N, C-alpha and C. Protein backbone atom coordinates (compact mmCIF):
# COMPACT_ATOMS: atom_id res chain seq x y z
N MET A 1 48.19 112.64 173.55
CA MET A 1 48.45 111.48 172.74
C MET A 1 48.94 111.94 171.36
N ARG A 2 50.02 111.34 170.89
CA ARG A 2 50.57 111.69 169.58
C ARG A 2 49.86 110.92 168.49
N GLN A 3 49.68 111.62 167.38
CA GLN A 3 49.07 111.00 166.22
C GLN A 3 50.12 110.32 165.37
N LYS A 4 49.83 109.15 164.88
CA LYS A 4 50.75 108.45 163.99
C LYS A 4 50.66 109.06 162.60
N THR A 5 51.83 109.33 162.01
CA THR A 5 51.86 109.86 160.64
C THR A 5 52.79 109.01 159.80
N ASP A 6 52.74 109.19 158.50
CA ASP A 6 53.64 108.49 157.59
C ASP A 6 54.91 109.27 157.35
N TYR A 7 55.01 110.48 157.94
CA TYR A 7 56.18 111.33 157.74
C TYR A 7 57.40 110.71 158.42
N ASN A 8 58.50 110.64 157.71
CA ASN A 8 59.73 110.06 158.23
C ASN A 8 60.82 111.12 158.17
N VAL A 9 61.31 111.54 159.33
CA VAL A 9 62.34 112.59 159.40
C VAL A 9 63.57 112.19 158.60
N ASN A 10 63.88 110.91 158.55
CA ASN A 10 65.10 110.46 157.88
C ASN A 10 65.11 110.73 156.39
N ASN A 11 63.96 110.85 155.77
CA ASN A 11 63.97 111.09 154.32
C ASN A 11 63.39 112.45 153.95
N SER A 12 63.29 113.37 154.92
CA SER A 12 62.70 114.68 154.64
C SER A 12 63.52 115.47 153.63
N HIS A 13 64.85 115.36 153.68
CA HIS A 13 65.69 116.06 152.72
C HIS A 13 65.40 115.57 151.30
N GLN A 14 65.26 114.28 151.15
CA GLN A 14 65.00 113.72 149.82
C GLN A 14 63.64 114.17 149.29
N ILE A 15 62.65 114.21 150.16
CA ILE A 15 61.31 114.64 149.75
C ILE A 15 61.36 116.08 149.23
N VAL A 16 62.04 116.96 149.96
CA VAL A 16 62.13 118.37 149.56
C VAL A 16 62.94 118.49 148.27
N GLU A 17 64.06 117.78 148.18
CA GLU A 17 64.88 117.82 146.96
C GLU A 17 64.07 117.39 145.75
N ASP A 18 63.32 116.32 145.90
CA ASP A 18 62.50 115.83 144.79
C ASP A 18 61.44 116.86 144.39
N LYS A 19 60.89 117.55 145.38
CA LYS A 19 59.82 118.50 145.11
C LYS A 19 60.32 119.79 144.44
N ILE A 20 61.47 120.33 144.93
CA ILE A 20 61.93 121.62 144.40
C ILE A 20 63.06 121.50 143.39
N GLY A 21 63.67 120.32 143.31
CA GLY A 21 64.68 120.08 142.29
C GLY A 21 66.07 120.62 142.56
N VAL A 22 66.37 120.95 143.80
CA VAL A 22 67.72 121.40 144.16
C VAL A 22 68.18 120.68 145.42
N PRO A 23 69.50 120.51 145.60
CA PRO A 23 70.00 119.86 146.80
C PRO A 23 69.63 120.63 148.07
N VAL A 24 69.35 119.90 149.12
CA VAL A 24 68.98 120.49 150.41
C VAL A 24 69.94 119.93 151.46
N VAL A 25 70.49 120.81 152.30
CA VAL A 25 71.37 120.36 153.38
C VAL A 25 70.94 120.96 154.71
N SER A 26 71.40 120.35 155.77
CA SER A 26 71.17 120.86 157.12
C SER A 26 72.45 120.62 157.91
N ALA A 27 72.52 121.17 159.08
CA ALA A 27 73.69 120.95 159.94
C ALA A 27 73.85 119.45 160.21
N ALA A 28 72.74 118.76 160.38
CA ALA A 28 72.81 117.32 160.68
C ALA A 28 73.37 116.52 159.51
N THR A 29 72.92 116.82 158.29
CA THR A 29 73.43 116.06 157.14
C THR A 29 74.89 116.41 156.87
N CYS A 30 75.26 117.67 157.05
CA CYS A 30 76.67 118.06 156.85
C CYS A 30 77.57 117.40 157.89
N THR A 31 77.12 117.35 159.13
CA THR A 31 77.90 116.71 160.19
C THR A 31 78.04 115.22 159.92
N THR A 32 76.96 114.59 159.52
CA THR A 32 77.00 113.15 159.21
C THR A 32 77.97 112.89 158.06
N PHE A 33 77.90 113.72 157.02
CA PHE A 33 78.79 113.58 155.87
C PHE A 33 80.25 113.66 156.31
N ARG A 34 80.60 114.69 157.09
CA ARG A 34 81.99 114.88 157.53
C ARG A 34 82.45 113.77 158.48
N MET A 35 81.56 113.29 159.34
CA MET A 35 81.92 112.19 160.25
C MET A 35 82.22 110.92 159.45
N LEU A 36 81.39 110.60 158.48
CA LEU A 36 81.62 109.42 157.67
C LEU A 36 82.92 109.54 156.87
N GLU A 37 83.17 110.73 156.32
CA GLU A 37 84.44 110.96 155.61
C GLU A 37 85.64 110.77 156.55
N ALA A 38 85.56 111.34 157.74
CA ALA A 38 86.66 111.25 158.70
C ALA A 38 86.94 109.80 159.10
N LEU A 39 85.89 108.99 159.12
CA LEU A 39 86.04 107.58 159.45
C LEU A 39 86.39 106.73 158.23
N LYS A 40 86.58 107.41 157.08
CA LYS A 40 86.90 106.75 155.82
C LYS A 40 85.82 105.75 155.42
N LEU A 41 84.56 106.15 155.67
CA LEU A 41 83.40 105.36 155.27
C LEU A 41 82.68 106.09 154.14
N GLU A 42 82.03 105.34 153.28
CA GLU A 42 81.29 105.95 152.19
C GLU A 42 80.11 106.75 152.75
N PRO A 43 79.96 108.02 152.35
CA PRO A 43 78.84 108.81 152.85
C PRO A 43 77.55 108.44 152.12
N PHE A 44 77.00 107.30 152.48
CA PHE A 44 75.82 106.78 151.81
C PHE A 44 74.73 106.45 152.83
N VAL A 45 73.66 107.25 152.78
CA VAL A 45 72.49 107.02 153.62
C VAL A 45 71.28 107.11 152.69
N PRO A 46 70.70 105.99 152.31
CA PRO A 46 69.59 105.99 151.35
C PRO A 46 68.44 106.90 151.78
N GLY A 47 67.96 107.72 150.85
CA GLY A 47 66.82 108.58 151.11
C GLY A 47 67.12 109.81 151.93
N ALA A 48 68.40 110.10 152.18
CA ALA A 48 68.75 111.24 153.02
C ALA A 48 69.21 112.45 152.22
N GLY A 49 68.93 112.49 150.95
CA GLY A 49 69.30 113.63 150.12
C GLY A 49 70.59 113.41 149.36
N ARG A 50 70.90 114.36 148.49
CA ARG A 50 72.04 114.22 147.59
C ARG A 50 73.38 114.14 148.31
N LEU A 51 73.58 114.95 149.35
CA LEU A 51 74.86 114.95 150.05
C LEU A 51 75.20 113.57 150.59
N LEU A 52 74.21 112.83 151.05
CA LEU A 52 74.45 111.50 151.61
C LEU A 52 74.06 110.38 150.64
N SER A 53 74.01 110.72 149.36
CA SER A 53 73.63 109.73 148.35
C SER A 53 74.81 108.88 147.88
N GLY A 54 76.03 109.26 148.28
CA GLY A 54 77.20 108.55 147.82
C GLY A 54 77.73 109.08 146.50
N GLN A 55 77.08 110.10 145.94
CA GLN A 55 77.49 110.67 144.65
C GLN A 55 78.50 111.80 144.80
N ILE A 56 78.64 112.36 145.98
CA ILE A 56 79.54 113.48 146.22
C ILE A 56 80.73 113.00 147.03
N HIS A 57 81.94 113.35 146.57
CA HIS A 57 83.14 112.89 147.27
C HIS A 57 84.01 114.05 147.64
């Protein structure tokens, strides 16, 4: 049986960035960023770290 936690994978990058004070990326966030750019969509995913904050173009 799995235990319920408050940890949310979707905002783990933001949590680490806030804690250590530097941008954090992963293959998943980089891929998402490039896919959104290729589709000409704003790379904005709230709580997913700086790369997907909409501040980087």
